[in-house]
C-alpha cells in the first residue's frame, strides 16, 4: 500500500489559494490528505468552494504561518507531511517522485529543486535551488542562509513532532529554525535533484514587503545557531 501523505496549506487572504489546492488534488499520487488551515482570513475563502468535499478545512485565529503549519501537521493522518504555501504550486508528479525517493533512501527528510514563477505562472528562473557536493557543504551553507525552500520539503510526521514543530515566535524564519534543528539532530537532509515545486515571487508576498524584518530575524537566528552548527561540522567527514 502506498504510504499516506498529508499536505498542509496555510492560507491567509491569498488570491492564489485555488491554484495551490488544485495542484495537490491533481497529483498522480492517490493516497493524499489535503489540509487547508485558514489562519483568520477575511477574503478569498470562496476560491475553496470547488474543493470543499476533497479537503480538510480548518479555521483558526490569525497567528502566522508557523502556527498554521503546526495546527495542520498535528492533525495530519499521513506518514509523511509536506507544506505548500497558498501561492505556490506542486507539479503533477511531485508527491509520487518524492515518496519513491524517500522510500528508496529510507529518508526521514528530503527536499527538492524548484522553478521560480511570477504572478502569471510564467517561469522566471529554472532550477533555483543551490546544489551542494556533500552533506557537509550543505550544513555549512546553513551558517550563511536558508538553502531549502520549505515547499519542497517532505518529512516523516513523527520527525516534525520529535524535533518540536515550528516555532510560532518566529514569523519569518520558522522554516530555517526547524531545518537547523533537524540537521543538528544528525538527520540526513536528502536532496532530490528534480524541480517539483513552482515557487511564486510576487509583489504582495511577505518576504518582499517586510524584507528588513526578515533579515533582522534571520541574523539573530544565524548568530544563535552558528556555534552549534560549527560543532556539528567539526564532527562530519569532508
Protein backbone atom coordinates (compact mmCIF):
# COMPACT_ATOMS: atom_id res chain seq x y z
CA UNK A 1 0.00 0.00 0.00
CA UNK A 2 1.21 3.49 -0.83
CA UNK A 3 2.40 5.46 2.22
CA UNK A 4 -0.04 8.21 3.18
CA UNK A 5 0.98 11.83 2.67
CA UNK A 6 -0.61 14.88 4.26
CA UNK A 7 -0.11 18.24 2.52
CA UNK A 8 -0.72 21.24 4.78
CA UNK A 9 -1.60 24.52 3.06
CA UNK A 10 -1.62 27.57 5.34
CA UNK A 11 -4.00 30.21 3.95
CA UNK A 12 -4.35 33.88 4.79
CA UNK A 13 -6.16 36.17 2.32
CA UNK A 14 -4.31 34.70 -0.66
CA UNK A 15 -5.82 35.01 -4.16
CA UNK A 16 -3.77 32.04 -5.41
CA UNK A 17 -5.21 29.51 -2.94
CA UNK A 18 -7.36 27.77 -5.55
CA UNK A 19 -4.36 27.05 -7.76
CA UNK A 20 -2.40 25.64 -4.82
CA UNK A 21 -5.19 23.29 -3.77
CA UNK A 22 -5.88 22.18 -7.35
CA UNK A 23 -2.20 21.30 -7.82
CA UNK A 24 -2.34 18.90 -4.86
CA UNK A 25 -5.69 17.36 -5.77
CA UNK A 26 -4.36 16.84 -9.31
CA UNK A 27 -1.33 14.82 -8.19
CA UNK A 28 -0.58 11.49 -9.87
CA UNK A 29 -0.23 10.02 -6.36
CA UNK A 30 -3.51 8.97 -4.78
CA UNK A 31 -3.02 8.44 -1.04
CA UNK A 32 -3.05 12.14 -0.12
CA UNK A 33 -4.78 14.09 2.63
CA UNK A 34 -5.08 17.83 1.97
CA UNK A 35 -5.43 20.09 5.00
CA UNK A 36 -6.08 23.79 4.38
CA UNK A 37 -5.56 25.87 7.51
CA UNK A 38 -7.41 29.18 7.28
CA UNK A 39 -5.32 31.44 9.52
CA UNK A 40 -8.02 34.04 10.14
CA UNK A 41 -8.66 35.03 6.52
CA UNK A 42 -11.17 37.75 5.70
CA UNK A 43 -11.22 37.24 1.92
CA UNK A 44 -10.79 34.68 -0.91
CA UNK A 45 -12.32 31.76 1.01
CA UNK A 46 -14.82 31.35 -1.85
CA UNK A 47 -11.96 30.12 -4.04
CA UNK A 48 -12.01 26.93 -1.97
CA UNK A 49 -15.66 26.18 -2.72
CA UNK A 50 -15.00 23.80 -5.66
CA UNK A 51 -12.72 21.68 -3.47
CA UNK A 52 -14.50 21.58 -0.10
CA UNK A 53 -15.58 17.96 -0.37
CA UNK A 54 -11.99 16.81 -1.05
CA UNK A 55 -10.08 18.74 1.60
CA UNK A 56 -9.96 19.07 5.37
CA UNK A 57 -10.70 22.73 6.07
CA UNK A 58 -9.56 24.04 9.46
CA UNK A 59 -10.09 27.56 10.77
CA UNK A 60 -8.17 29.38 13.48
CA UNK A 61 -7.48 32.93 14.60
CA UNK A 62 -4.57 34.62 12.87
CA UNK A 63 -1.25 33.51 14.31
CA UNK A 64 1.16 33.32 11.39
CA UNK A 65 2.48 30.59 9.12
CA UNK A 66 4.27 28.58 11.82
CA UNK A 67 1.16 28.30 13.97
CA UNK A 68 -0.93 27.34 10.92
CA UNK A 69 1.57 24.66 9.89
CA UNK A 70 1.61 23.23 13.40
CA UNK A 71 -2.18 23.27 13.58
CA UNK A 72 -2.39 21.27 10.36
CA UNK A 73 0.52 18.90 10.92
CA UNK A 74 -0.58 17.99 14.43
CA UNK A 75 -3.87 16.81 12.91
CA UNK A 76 -2.26 15.08 9.93
CA UNK A 77 -3.04 11.42 9.36
CA UNK A 78 -0.19 10.92 6.88
CA UNK A 79 3.05 9.02 7.46
CA UNK A 80 4.73 11.85 5.57
CA UNK A 81 3.90 15.56 5.75
CA UNK A 82 4.56 18.28 3.19
CA UNK A 83 3.92 22.01 3.20
CA UNK A 84 2.60 24.05 0.30
CA UNK A 85 2.30 27.82 0.56
CA UNK A 86 -1.04 29.09 -0.71
CA UNK A 87 0.64 31.00 -3.55
CA UNK A 88 2.82 28.11 -4.78
CA UNK A 89 2.13 25.05 -6.93
CA UNK A 90 3.16 21.38 -6.91
CA UNK A 91 3.96 19.80 -10.28
CA UNK A 92 1.84 16.73 -11.06
CA UNK A 93 4.42 14.08 -10.07
CA UNK A 94 5.81 15.90 -7.03
CA UNK A 95 4.50 13.55 -4.40
CA UNK A 96 4.94 10.24 -6.22
CA UNK A 97 8.55 11.08 -7.10
CA UNK A 98 9.43 12.32 -3.63
CA UNK A 99 7.77 9.42 -1.81
CA UNK A 100 9.61 6.94 -4.07
CA UNK A 101 12.89 8.74 -3.36
CA UNK A 102 12.31 8.72 0.39
CA UNK A 103 11.26 5.09 0.50
CA UNK A 104 14.32 4.09 -1.52
CA UNK A 105 16.67 6.11 0.72
CA UNK A 106 14.74 5.26 3.90
CA UNK A 107 14.91 9.00 4.50
CA UNK A 108 13.26 10.88 7.30
CA UNK A 109 13.62 14.22 5.48
CA UNK A 110 14.04 15.34 1.89
CA UNK A 111 13.83 18.47 -0.21
CA UNK A 112 13.86 19.07 -3.95
CA UNK A 113 14.70 21.59 -6.62
CA UNK A 114 12.09 24.12 -7.79
CA UNK A 115 11.34 26.62 -10.54
CA UNK A 116 10.52 30.25 -9.70
CA UNK A 117 7.37 31.69 -11.28
CA UNK A 118 5.71 35.11 -11.38
CA UNK A 119 2.13 36.26 -10.75
CA UNK A 120 1.09 34.98 -14.20
CA UNK A 121 2.56 31.46 -13.65
CA UNK A 122 5.45 32.14 -16.04
CA UNK A 123 8.78 30.55 -15.09
CA UNK A 124 11.32 33.30 -14.39
CA UNK A 125 14.13 31.08 -13.11
CA UNK A 126 14.67 27.40 -13.74
CA UNK A 127 16.12 25.04 -11.11
CA UNK A 128 16.50 27.70 -8.43
CA UNK A 129 17.97 25.55 -5.62
CA UNK A 130 21.69 25.80 -4.88
CA UNK A 131 23.37 22.40 -5.27
CA UNK A 132 25.95 21.02 -2.82
CA UNK A 133 28.59 18.33 -3.47
CA UNK A 134 28.41 16.90 0.06
CA UNK A 135 26.15 16.96 3.09
CA UNK A 136 28.88 18.80 4.95
CA UNK A 137 28.78 21.56 2.32
CA UNK A 138 25.03 21.76 2.76
CA UNK A 139 25.26 22.04 6.56
CA UNK A 140 27.98 24.68 6.13
CA UNK A 141 25.59 26.73 3.98
CA UNK A 142 23.20 26.90 6.93
CA UNK A 143 25.75 29.23 8.54
CA UNK A 144 25.01 31.80 5.84
CA UNK A 145 21.45 31.42 4.59
CA UNK A 146 18.49 29.06 4.29
CA UNK A 147 19.29 26.68 1.39
CA UNK A 148 15.91 24.89 1.50
CA UNK A 149 12.64 26.09 0.02
CA UNK A 150 10.09 24.90 2.58
CA UNK A 151 7.51 23.98 -0.05
CA UNK A 152 9.88 21.39 -1.49
CA UNK A 153 10.20 19.54 1.83
CA UNK A 154 8.69 16.18 2.69
CA UNK A 155 9.40 14.58 6.06
CA UNK A 156 8.10 11.94 8.39
CA UNK A 157 5.35 13.39 10.53
CA UNK A 158 6.93 11.86 13.61
CA UNK A 159 10.21 13.65 12.80
CA UNK A 160 8.42 17.02 12.91
CA UNK A 161 6.91 16.02 16.24
CA UNK A 162 10.23 14.76 17.62
CA UNK A 163 12.19 17.96 16.90
CA UNK A 164 9.44 20.18 18.28
CA UNK A 165 7.29 21.53 15.42
CA UNK A 166 7.72 25.05 14.00
CA UNK A 167 8.37 27.94 16.39
CA UNK A 168 5.37 30.32 16.20
CA UNK A 169 7.50 33.02 17.82
CA UNK A 170 9.48 33.27 14.57
CA UNK A 171 7.19 34.84 11.96
CA UNK A 172 9.80 34.76 9.17
CA UNK A 173 12.47 32.17 9.96
CA UNK A 174 10.45 29.30 11.43
CA UNK A 175 11.49 27.16 8.46
CA UNK A 176 15.22 27.88 8.83
CA UNK A 177 14.94 27.22 12.56
CA UNK A 178 13.40 23.79 12.01
CA UNK A 179 15.83 22.75 9.27
CA UNK A 180 18.77 23.66 11.52
CA UNK A 181 17.30 21.72 14.43
CA UNK A 182 16.85 18.68 12.17
CA UNK A 183 20.45 18.98 10.92
CA UNK A 184 21.78 19.34 14.46
CA UNK A 185 19.96 16.12 15.36
CA UNK A 186 22.09 14.31 12.79
CA UNK A 187 19.17 13.57 10.45
CA UNK A 188 20.15 13.11 6.79
CA UNK A 189 18.98 16.05 4.65
CA UNK A 190 18.38 14.17 1.38
CA UNK A 191 18.17 16.22 -1.84
CA UNK A 192 16.14 15.07 -4.84
CA UNK A 193 17.52 16.90 -7.86
CA UNK A 194 14.21 17.43 -9.65
CA UNK A 195 12.20 20.69 -9.89
CA UNK A 196 8.91 19.53 -8.36
CA UNK A 197 7.52 22.81 -6.98
CA UNK A 198 6.71 26.14 -8.63
CA UNK A 199 7.65 28.90 -6.18
CA UNK A 200 5.85 32.18 -6.85
CA UNK A 201 7.53 35.54 -6.33
CA UNK A 202 5.11 38.46 -6.44
CA UNK A 203 4.84 41.96 -5.03
CA UNK A 204 2.37 41.06 -2.26
CA UNK A 205 4.46 38.31 -0.66
CA UNK A 206 5.60 38.89 2.90
CA UNK A 207 9.31 38.33 2.29
CA UNK A 208 9.29 41.23 -0.17
CA UNK A 209 7.01 43.56 1.82
CA UNK A 210 8.87 43.00 5.10
CA UNK A 211 12.38 42.36 3.87
CA UNK A 212 14.19 44.30 6.61
CA UNK A 213 12.30 42.46 9.37
CA UNK A 214 13.04 39.11 7.73
CA UNK A 215 16.75 39.97 7.51
CA UNK A 216 16.93 41.08 11.14
CA UNK A 217 15.23 37.94 12.42
CA UNK A 218 17.47 35.75 10.27
CA UNK A 219 20.63 37.43 11.56
CA UNK A 220 19.50 36.78 15.12
CA UNK A 221 18.80 33.10 14.43
CA UNK A 222 22.02 32.63 12.50
CA UNK A 223 24.05 34.05 15.37
CA UNK A 224 22.24 31.78 17.82
CA UNK A 225 22.84 28.60 15.83
CA UNK A 226 26.34 29.31 14.45
CA UNK A 227 28.29 27.77 17.39
CA UNK A 228 26.15 24.62 17.30
CA UNK A 229 26.46 24.28 13.53
CA UNK A 230 30.24 24.70 13.71
CA UNK A 231 30.42 21.98 16.33
CA UNK A 232 28.31 19.70 14.12
CA UNK A 233 30.53 20.45 11.11
CA UNK A 234 33.64 19.60 13.10
CA UNK A 235 32.36 16.06 13.55
CA UNK A 236 31.36 15.49 9.91
CA UNK A 237 33.58 13.83 7.27
CA UNK A 238 34.74 16.09 4.45
